[in-house]
Amino acid sequence: MYTAVRGFSGEVGEAMRLFIEFFVDDVERSIRFYRDVIGMEQVRSSPEYNEFHLGEAEISICPFDDLRDGHYLREVPNDRLGNRVEFCLQVSNLEEVYERVKKLGVAIRDPLQKRPWGATDFRIIDPNGAYLRITSPVDL
């Protein structure tokens, strides 16, 4: 799954794979959001772990109550989870996703618009308060 890539220096190195795990209070609501609203494919499903893929993106939904005692996320105040983080989901079918989001009644924080850096995007909040930017690839 990992491929060799060239960094800024021109040297070949290993690629980094990034995935996101959300620890949530309402697992079913989050599953419905990422499956039905965002359009991700659910590839694993259990009471403890739910995994979704769309292209190269991978998001996992896990119950907050399953975090072990002493886990960092149990120690920080709940209002700080995801603070100052914008999750960006780049899709090839932006208009289709936007229409589905509107049709399903999800509140749109910032409507679909072309940005100065060349991408078109819109912003929504997921059921757990995560700030999501749904974006096209940047036009170069």
N, C-alpha and C. Protein backbone atom coordinates (compact mmCIF):
# COMPACT_ATOMS: atom_id res chain seq x y z
N MET A 1 0.82 -1.19 0.00
CA MET A 1 0.00 0.00 0.00
C MET A 1 0.86 1.26 0.00
N TYR A 2 2.06 1.20 0.57
CA TYR A 2 2.95 2.36 0.59
C TYR A 2 3.80 2.36 -0.67
N THR A 3 4.04 3.52 -1.22
CA THR A 3 4.84 3.61 -2.43
C THR A 3 6.00 4.57 -2.19
N ALA A 4 7.04 4.37 -2.94
CA ALA A 4 8.19 5.27 -2.85
C ALA A 4 7.84 6.58 -3.54
N VAL A 5 8.21 7.69 -2.94
CA VAL A 5 7.93 9.01 -3.52
C VAL A 5 9.18 9.86 -3.45
N ARG A 6 9.22 10.87 -4.28
CA ARG A 6 10.33 11.81 -4.26
C ARG A 6 9.94 13.02 -3.42
N GLY A 7 10.77 13.35 -2.46
CA GLY A 7 10.54 14.52 -1.63
C GLY A 7 11.06 15.77 -2.31
N PHE A 8 11.03 16.88 -1.60
CA PHE A 8 11.49 18.15 -2.16
C PHE A 8 12.97 18.09 -2.51
N SER A 9 13.74 17.25 -1.80
CA SER A 9 15.17 17.16 -2.07
C SER A 9 15.47 16.31 -3.28
N GLY A 10 14.47 15.58 -3.81
CA GLY A 10 14.69 14.71 -4.95
C GLY A 10 15.03 13.28 -4.55
N GLU A 11 15.25 13.05 -3.24
CA GLU A 11 15.56 11.70 -2.78
C GLU A 11 14.29 10.87 -2.69
N VAL A 12 14.46 9.57 -2.95
CA VAL A 12 13.32 8.67 -2.86
C VAL A 12 13.16 8.23 -1.41
N GLY A 13 11.92 8.29 -0.90
CA GLY A 13 11.64 7.87 0.46
C GLY A 13 10.29 7.18 0.53
N GLU A 14 9.90 6.78 1.71
CA GLU A 14 8.62 6.13 1.90
C GLU A 14 7.51 7.18 2.05
N ALA A 15 6.35 6.88 1.50
CA ALA A 15 5.19 7.76 1.64
C ALA A 15 4.58 7.56 3.02
N MET A 16 3.96 8.57 3.51
CA MET A 16 3.24 8.49 4.78
C MET A 16 1.78 8.29 4.48
N ARG A 17 1.15 7.39 5.19
CA ARG A 17 -0.29 7.16 5.05
C ARG A 17 -0.99 7.82 6.23
N LEU A 18 -1.95 8.66 5.96
CA LEU A 18 -2.68 9.37 7.00
C LEU A 18 -4.11 8.86 7.04
N PHE A 19 -4.59 8.53 8.22
CA PHE A 19 -6.00 8.20 8.40
C PHE A 19 -6.46 8.86 9.69
N ILE A 20 -7.76 9.03 9.81
CA ILE A 20 -8.33 9.75 10.95
C ILE A 20 -9.25 8.83 11.71
N GLU A 21 -9.14 8.84 13.04
CA GLU A 21 -10.06 8.11 13.89
C GLU A 21 -10.84 9.12 14.73
N PHE A 22 -12.16 9.04 14.63
CA PHE A 22 -13.03 9.87 15.45
C PHE A 22 -13.57 9.00 16.58
N PHE A 23 -13.43 9.47 17.81
CA PHE A 23 -14.02 8.80 18.98
C PHE A 23 -15.24 9.62 19.36
N VAL A 24 -16.41 9.02 19.21
CA VAL A 24 -17.66 9.78 19.26
C VAL A 24 -18.63 9.21 20.28
N ASP A 25 -19.59 10.04 20.68
CA ASP A 25 -20.64 9.61 21.60
C ASP A 25 -21.74 8.85 20.88
N ASP A 26 -22.07 9.24 19.66
CA ASP A 26 -23.16 8.62 18.92
C ASP A 26 -22.60 7.98 17.64
N VAL A 27 -22.21 6.73 17.75
CA VAL A 27 -21.58 6.02 16.64
C VAL A 27 -22.52 5.91 15.45
N GLU A 28 -23.76 5.53 15.67
CA GLU A 28 -24.70 5.34 14.56
C GLU A 28 -24.93 6.64 13.78
N ARG A 29 -25.03 7.74 14.47
CA ARG A 29 -25.22 9.04 13.79
C ARG A 29 -24.00 9.37 12.92
N SER A 30 -22.80 9.08 13.43
CA SER A 30 -21.58 9.33 12.66
C SER A 30 -21.48 8.40 11.47
N ILE A 31 -21.86 7.14 11.65
CA ILE A 31 -21.85 6.19 10.54
C ILE A 31 -22.76 6.70 9.43
N ARG A 32 -23.98 7.09 9.78
CA ARG A 32 -24.92 7.59 8.77
C ARG A 32 -24.35 8.81 8.05
N PHE A 33 -23.70 9.72 8.80
CA PHE A 33 -23.16 10.94 8.19
C PHE A 33 -22.08 10.60 7.17
N TYR A 34 -21.07 9.83 7.56
CA TYR A 34 -19.96 9.55 6.64
C TYR A 34 -20.35 8.61 5.51
N ARG A 35 -21.30 7.72 5.74
CA ARG A 35 -21.76 6.81 4.69
C ARG A 35 -22.75 7.52 3.77
N ASP A 36 -23.79 8.12 4.33
CA ASP A 36 -24.90 8.65 3.53
C ASP A 36 -24.68 10.07 3.03
N VAL A 37 -24.07 10.91 3.83
CA VAL A 37 -23.86 12.31 3.44
C VAL A 37 -22.58 12.46 2.62
N ILE A 38 -21.46 12.01 3.17
CA ILE A 38 -20.18 12.15 2.48
C ILE A 38 -20.05 11.14 1.35
N GLY A 39 -20.68 9.98 1.49
CA GLY A 39 -20.65 8.97 0.42
C GLY A 39 -19.49 8.00 0.53
N MET A 40 -18.94 7.84 1.73
CA MET A 40 -17.83 6.90 1.92
C MET A 40 -18.36 5.47 2.00
N GLU A 41 -17.54 4.51 1.59
CA GLU A 41 -17.89 3.10 1.66
C GLU A 41 -17.47 2.54 3.02
N GLN A 42 -18.40 1.92 3.71
CA GLN A 42 -18.07 1.30 5.00
C GLN A 42 -17.46 -0.07 4.70
N VAL A 43 -16.19 -0.26 5.08
CA VAL A 43 -15.47 -1.49 4.77
C VAL A 43 -15.31 -2.40 5.99
N ARG A 44 -15.50 -1.85 7.19
CA ARG A 44 -15.47 -2.65 8.42
C ARG A 44 -16.55 -2.13 9.35
N SER A 45 -17.20 -3.07 10.02
CA SER A 45 -18.27 -2.68 10.92
C SER A 45 -18.28 -3.60 12.14
N SER A 46 -18.13 -2.99 13.30
CA SER A 46 -18.26 -3.73 14.56
C SER A 46 -18.67 -2.71 15.62
N PRO A 47 -19.11 -3.17 16.78
CA PRO A 47 -19.46 -2.21 17.83
C PRO A 47 -18.27 -1.34 18.26
N GLU A 48 -17.04 -1.84 18.10
CA GLU A 48 -15.85 -1.11 18.56
C GLU A 48 -15.16 -0.30 17.47
N TYR A 49 -15.39 -0.63 16.18
CA TYR A 49 -14.58 -0.02 15.13
C TYR A 49 -15.34 -0.06 13.81
N ASN A 50 -15.47 1.09 13.17
CA ASN A 50 -16.13 1.21 11.87
C ASN A 50 -15.21 1.99 10.96
N GLU A 51 -14.89 1.40 9.81
CA GLU A 51 -13.92 2.00 8.91
C GLU A 51 -14.58 2.34 7.58
N PHE A 52 -14.24 3.53 7.06
CA PHE A 52 -14.81 4.03 5.81
C PHE A 52 -13.69 4.42 4.87
N HIS A 53 -13.89 4.16 3.56
CA HIS A 53 -12.92 4.56 2.55
C HIS A 53 -13.64 5.32 1.44
N LEU A 54 -12.93 6.25 0.86
CA LEU A 54 -13.34 6.91 -0.37
C LEU A 54 -12.06 7.34 -1.05
N GLY A 55 -11.73 6.71 -2.16
CA GLY A 55 -10.44 6.96 -2.79
C GLY A 55 -9.33 6.60 -1.82
N GLU A 56 -8.41 7.51 -1.59
CA GLU A 56 -7.30 7.27 -0.67
C GLU A 56 -7.63 7.66 0.78
N ALA A 57 -8.80 8.25 0.99
CA ALA A 57 -9.17 8.70 2.34
C ALA A 57 -9.69 7.54 3.17
N GLU A 58 -9.32 7.55 4.44
CA GLU A 58 -9.79 6.54 5.38
C GLU A 58 -10.16 7.22 6.69
N ILE A 59 -11.38 6.96 7.14
CA ILE A 59 -11.86 7.51 8.41
C ILE A 59 -12.43 6.36 9.22
N SER A 60 -12.12 6.36 10.51
CA SER A 60 -12.65 5.34 11.41
C SER A 60 -13.52 6.02 12.47
N ILE A 61 -14.60 5.34 12.83
CA ILE A 61 -15.52 5.82 13.86
C ILE A 61 -15.49 4.81 14.99
N CYS A 62 -15.18 5.28 16.19
CA CYS A 62 -15.08 4.41 17.37
C CYS A 62 -15.84 5.04 18.53
N PRO A 63 -16.39 4.22 19.42
CA PRO A 63 -17.10 4.78 20.57
C PRO A 63 -16.13 5.46 21.56
N PHE A 64 -16.46 6.67 21.95
CA PHE A 64 -15.65 7.39 22.92
C PHE A 64 -15.53 6.59 24.22
N ASP A 65 -16.60 5.95 24.64
CA ASP A 65 -16.60 5.20 25.90
C ASP A 65 -15.64 4.03 25.90
N ASP A 66 -15.18 3.59 24.72
CA ASP A 66 -14.24 2.47 24.65
C ASP A 66 -12.79 2.90 24.86
N LEU A 67 -12.53 4.21 24.90
CA LEU A 67 -11.15 4.64 25.17
C LEU A 67 -10.74 4.20 26.57
N ARG A 68 -9.52 3.71 26.69
CA ARG A 68 -9.04 3.24 27.98
C ARG A 68 -8.84 4.39 28.94
N ASP A 69 -8.91 4.10 30.22
CA ASP A 69 -8.60 5.11 31.23
C ASP A 69 -7.17 5.58 31.02
N GLY A 70 -6.96 6.87 31.15
CA GLY A 70 -5.64 7.45 30.96
C GLY A 70 -5.34 7.87 29.54
N HIS A 71 -6.21 7.51 28.58
CA HIS A 71 -6.01 7.94 27.19
C HIS A 71 -6.10 9.47 27.14
N TYR A 72 -5.24 10.10 26.35
CA TYR A 72 -5.19 11.56 26.27
C TYR A 72 -6.55 12.18 25.96
N LEU A 73 -7.31 11.58 25.05
CA LEU A 73 -8.59 12.17 24.66
C LEU A 73 -9.61 12.14 25.79
N ARG A 74 -9.42 11.29 26.77
CA ARG A 74 -10.29 11.29 27.94
C ARG A 74 -9.91 12.41 28.91
N GLU A 75 -8.67 12.88 28.83
CA GLU A 75 -8.16 13.86 29.78
C GLU A 75 -8.41 15.30 29.38
N VAL A 76 -8.52 15.58 28.06
CA VAL A 76 -8.71 16.96 27.63
C VAL A 76 -10.18 17.32 27.70
N PRO A 77 -10.48 18.58 27.96
CA PRO A 77 -11.89 18.99 27.99
C PRO A 77 -12.55 18.70 26.64
N ASN A 78 -13.78 18.26 26.67
CA ASN A 78 -14.49 17.88 25.46
C ASN A 78 -14.58 19.01 24.44
N ASP A 79 -14.61 20.25 24.88
CA ASP A 79 -14.73 21.37 23.94
C ASP A 79 -13.43 21.62 23.18
N ARG A 80 -12.37 20.93 23.52
CA ARG A 80 -11.10 21.14 22.83
C ARG A 80 -10.83 20.09 21.76
N LEU A 81 -11.61 19.02 21.71
CA LEU A 81 -11.36 17.98 20.71
C LEU A 81 -11.54 18.57 19.31
N GLY A 82 -10.54 18.45 18.48
CA GLY A 82 -10.61 18.97 17.12
C GLY A 82 -10.48 20.47 17.02
N ASN A 83 -10.16 21.14 18.12
CA ASN A 83 -10.03 22.58 18.12
C ASN A 83 -8.92 23.00 17.16
N ARG A 84 -9.23 23.96 16.31
CA ARG A 84 -8.29 24.52 15.34
C ARG A 84 -7.81 23.51 14.30
N VAL A 85 -8.64 22.53 13.99
CA VAL A 85 -8.33 21.55 12.95
C VAL A 85 -9.42 21.61 11.89
N GLU A 86 -9.00 21.68 10.63
CA GLU A 86 -9.93 21.62 9.51
C GLU A 86 -9.62 20.34 8.75
N PHE A 87 -10.60 19.44 8.69
CA PHE A 87 -10.43 18.20 7.95
C PHE A 87 -10.84 18.46 6.52
N CYS A 88 -9.94 18.20 5.57
CA CYS A 88 -10.19 18.48 4.16
C CYS A 88 -10.38 17.17 3.42
N LEU A 89 -11.52 17.03 2.77
CA LEU A 89 -11.82 15.85 1.98
C LEU A 89 -11.88 16.27 0.52
N GLN A 90 -10.88 15.87 -0.26
CA GLN A 90 -10.83 16.22 -1.67
C GLN A 90 -11.57 15.15 -2.47
N VAL A 91 -12.54 15.57 -3.26
CA VAL A 91 -13.36 14.65 -4.04
C VAL A 91 -13.35 15.06 -5.50
N SER A 92 -13.60 14.09 -6.37
CA SER A 92 -13.63 14.39 -7.81
C SER A 92 -15.03 14.77 -8.26
N ASN A 93 -16.04 14.52 -7.43
CA ASN A 93 -17.43 14.80 -7.78
C ASN A 93 -18.03 15.83 -6.82
N LEU A 94 -17.38 16.96 -6.70
CA LEU A 94 -17.75 17.97 -5.71
C LEU A 94 -19.20 18.42 -5.82
N GLU A 95 -19.66 18.73 -7.02
CA GLU A 95 -21.03 19.21 -7.19
C GLU A 95 -22.04 18.15 -6.75
N GLU A 96 -21.77 16.89 -7.07
CA GLU A 96 -22.66 15.79 -6.67
C GLU A 96 -22.72 15.67 -5.14
N VAL A 97 -21.58 15.76 -4.49
CA VAL A 97 -21.55 15.69 -3.02
C VAL A 97 -22.30 16.89 -2.44
N TYR A 98 -22.07 18.07 -2.99
CA TYR A 98 -22.74 19.28 -2.51
C TYR A 98 -24.26 19.14 -2.60
N GLU A 99 -24.75 18.64 -3.73
CA GLU A 99 -26.19 18.46 -3.90
C GLU A 99 -26.75 17.43 -2.92
N ARG A 100 -25.99 16.36 -2.68
CA ARG A 100 -26.43 15.34 -1.72
C ARG A 100 -26.50 15.91 -0.31
N VAL A 101 -25.51 16.70 0.07
CA VAL A 101 -25.49 17.34 1.38
C VAL A 101 -26.71 18.23 1.56
N LYS A 102 -27.00 19.04 0.54
CA LYS A 102 -28.19 19.92 0.60
C LYS A 102 -29.47 19.11 0.68
N LYS A 103 -29.57 18.08 -0.15
CA LYS A 103 -30.78 17.25 -0.20
C LYS A 103 -31.05 16.58 1.16
N LEU A 104 -29.98 16.18 1.85
CA LEU A 104 -30.13 15.51 3.14
C LEU A 104 -30.30 16.48 4.30
N GLY A 105 -30.30 17.77 4.00
CA GLY A 105 -30.59 18.77 5.03
C GLY A 105 -29.45 19.08 5.98
N VAL A 106 -28.23 18.77 5.58
CA VAL A 106 -27.08 19.10 6.42
C VAL A 106 -26.84 20.61 6.33
N ALA A 107 -26.64 21.23 7.48
CA ALA A 107 -26.38 22.68 7.50
C ALA A 107 -25.03 22.97 6.83
N ILE A 108 -25.06 23.89 5.90
CA ILE A 108 -23.84 24.27 5.18
C ILE A 108 -23.27 25.52 5.84
N ARG A 109 -22.06 25.39 6.32
CA ARG A 109 -21.40 26.49 7.02
C ARG A 109 -20.94 27.57 6.04
N ASP A 110 -20.31 27.15 4.94
CA ASP A 110 -19.88 28.04 3.86
C ASP A 110 -20.29 27.38 2.55
N PRO A 111 -21.06 28.08 1.71
CA PRO A 111 -21.55 27.48 0.47
C PRO A 111 -20.44 27.22 -0.54
N LEU A 112 -20.78 26.47 -1.56
CA LEU A 112 -19.87 26.14 -2.64
C LEU A 112 -19.35 27.42 -3.27
N GLN A 113 -18.02 27.52 -3.36
CA GLN A 113 -17.43 28.71 -3.97
C GLN A 113 -15.99 28.45 -4.40
N LYS A 114 -15.57 29.20 -5.40
CA LYS A 114 -14.20 29.15 -5.90
C LYS A 114 -13.33 29.93 -4.94
N ARG A 115 -12.20 29.37 -4.55
CA ARG A 115 -11.30 30.02 -3.60
C ARG A 115 -10.11 30.64 -4.33
N PRO A 116 -9.46 31.64 -3.72
CA PRO A 116 -8.33 32.32 -4.37
C PRO A 116 -7.17 31.39 -4.72
N TRP A 117 -7.02 30.27 -4.01
CA TRP A 117 -5.90 29.36 -4.26
C TRP A 117 -6.21 28.35 -5.36
N GLY A 118 -7.41 28.44 -6.01
CA GLY A 118 -7.70 27.62 -7.18
C GLY A 118 -8.65 26.46 -6.95
N ALA A 119 -8.98 26.15 -5.71
CA ALA A 119 -9.92 25.06 -5.44
C ALA A 119 -11.33 25.62 -5.32
N THR A 120 -12.31 24.76 -5.52
CA THR A 120 -13.70 25.07 -5.22
C THR A 120 -14.07 24.18 -4.04
N ASP A 121 -14.77 24.75 -3.06
CA ASP A 121 -15.12 23.94 -1.90
C ASP A 121 -16.35 24.47 -1.19
N PHE A 122 -16.81 23.68 -0.19
CA PHE A 122 -17.82 24.13 0.75
C PHE A 122 -17.47 23.54 2.10
N ARG A 123 -18.04 24.11 3.16
CA ARG A 123 -17.69 23.69 4.53
C ARG A 123 -18.95 23.30 5.29
N ILE A 124 -18.83 22.21 6.05
CA ILE A 124 -19.91 21.72 6.90
C ILE A 124 -19.33 21.27 8.24
N ILE A 125 -20.19 21.04 9.20
CA ILE A 125 -19.78 20.52 10.51
C ILE A 125 -20.36 19.11 10.62
N ASP A 126 -19.52 18.14 11.00
CA ASP A 126 -20.04 16.78 11.14
C ASP A 126 -20.82 16.66 12.45
N PRO A 127 -21.50 15.54 12.71
CA PRO A 127 -22.34 15.42 13.90
C PRO A 127 -21.59 15.57 15.22
N ASN A 128 -20.27 15.48 15.19
CA ASN A 128 -19.47 15.57 16.41
C ASN A 128 -18.78 16.91 16.57
N GLY A 129 -19.06 17.83 15.65
CA GLY A 129 -18.46 19.16 15.73
C GLY A 129 -17.19 19.33 14.92
N ALA A 130 -16.78 18.32 14.17
CA ALA A 130 -15.57 18.45 13.34
C ALA A 130 -15.88 19.35 12.13
N TYR A 131 -14.98 20.28 11.86
CA TYR A 131 -15.11 21.21 10.75
C TYR A 131 -14.56 20.55 9.49
N LEU A 132 -15.41 20.34 8.49
CA LEU A 132 -15.02 19.65 7.27
C LEU A 132 -15.04 20.60 6.09
N ARG A 133 -13.95 20.59 5.32
CA ARG A 133 -13.92 21.29 4.04
C ARG A 133 -13.97 20.22 2.95
N ILE A 134 -15.03 20.24 2.16
CA ILE A 134 -15.16 19.32 1.03
C ILE A 134 -14.70 20.10 -0.17
N THR A 135 -13.66 19.60 -0.86
CA THR A 135 -12.96 20.41 -1.86
C THR A 135 -12.66 19.65 -3.14
N SER A 136 -12.52 20.41 -4.19
CA SER A 136 -12.05 19.87 -5.47
C SER A 136 -10.52 19.90 -5.44
N PRO A 137 -9.91 19.21 -6.38
CA PRO A 137 -8.46 19.41 -6.55
C PRO A 137 -8.19 20.86 -6.94
N VAL A 138 -7.01 21.35 -6.67
CA VAL A 138 -6.63 22.71 -7.02
C VAL A 138 -6.38 22.79 -8.51
N ASP A 139 -6.99 23.79 -9.15
CA ASP A 139 -6.71 24.04 -10.58
C ASP A 139 -5.36 24.74 -10.68
N LEU A 140 -4.45 24.13 -11.39
CA LEU A 140 -3.12 24.74 -11.54
C LEU A 140 -2.99 25.45 -12.85
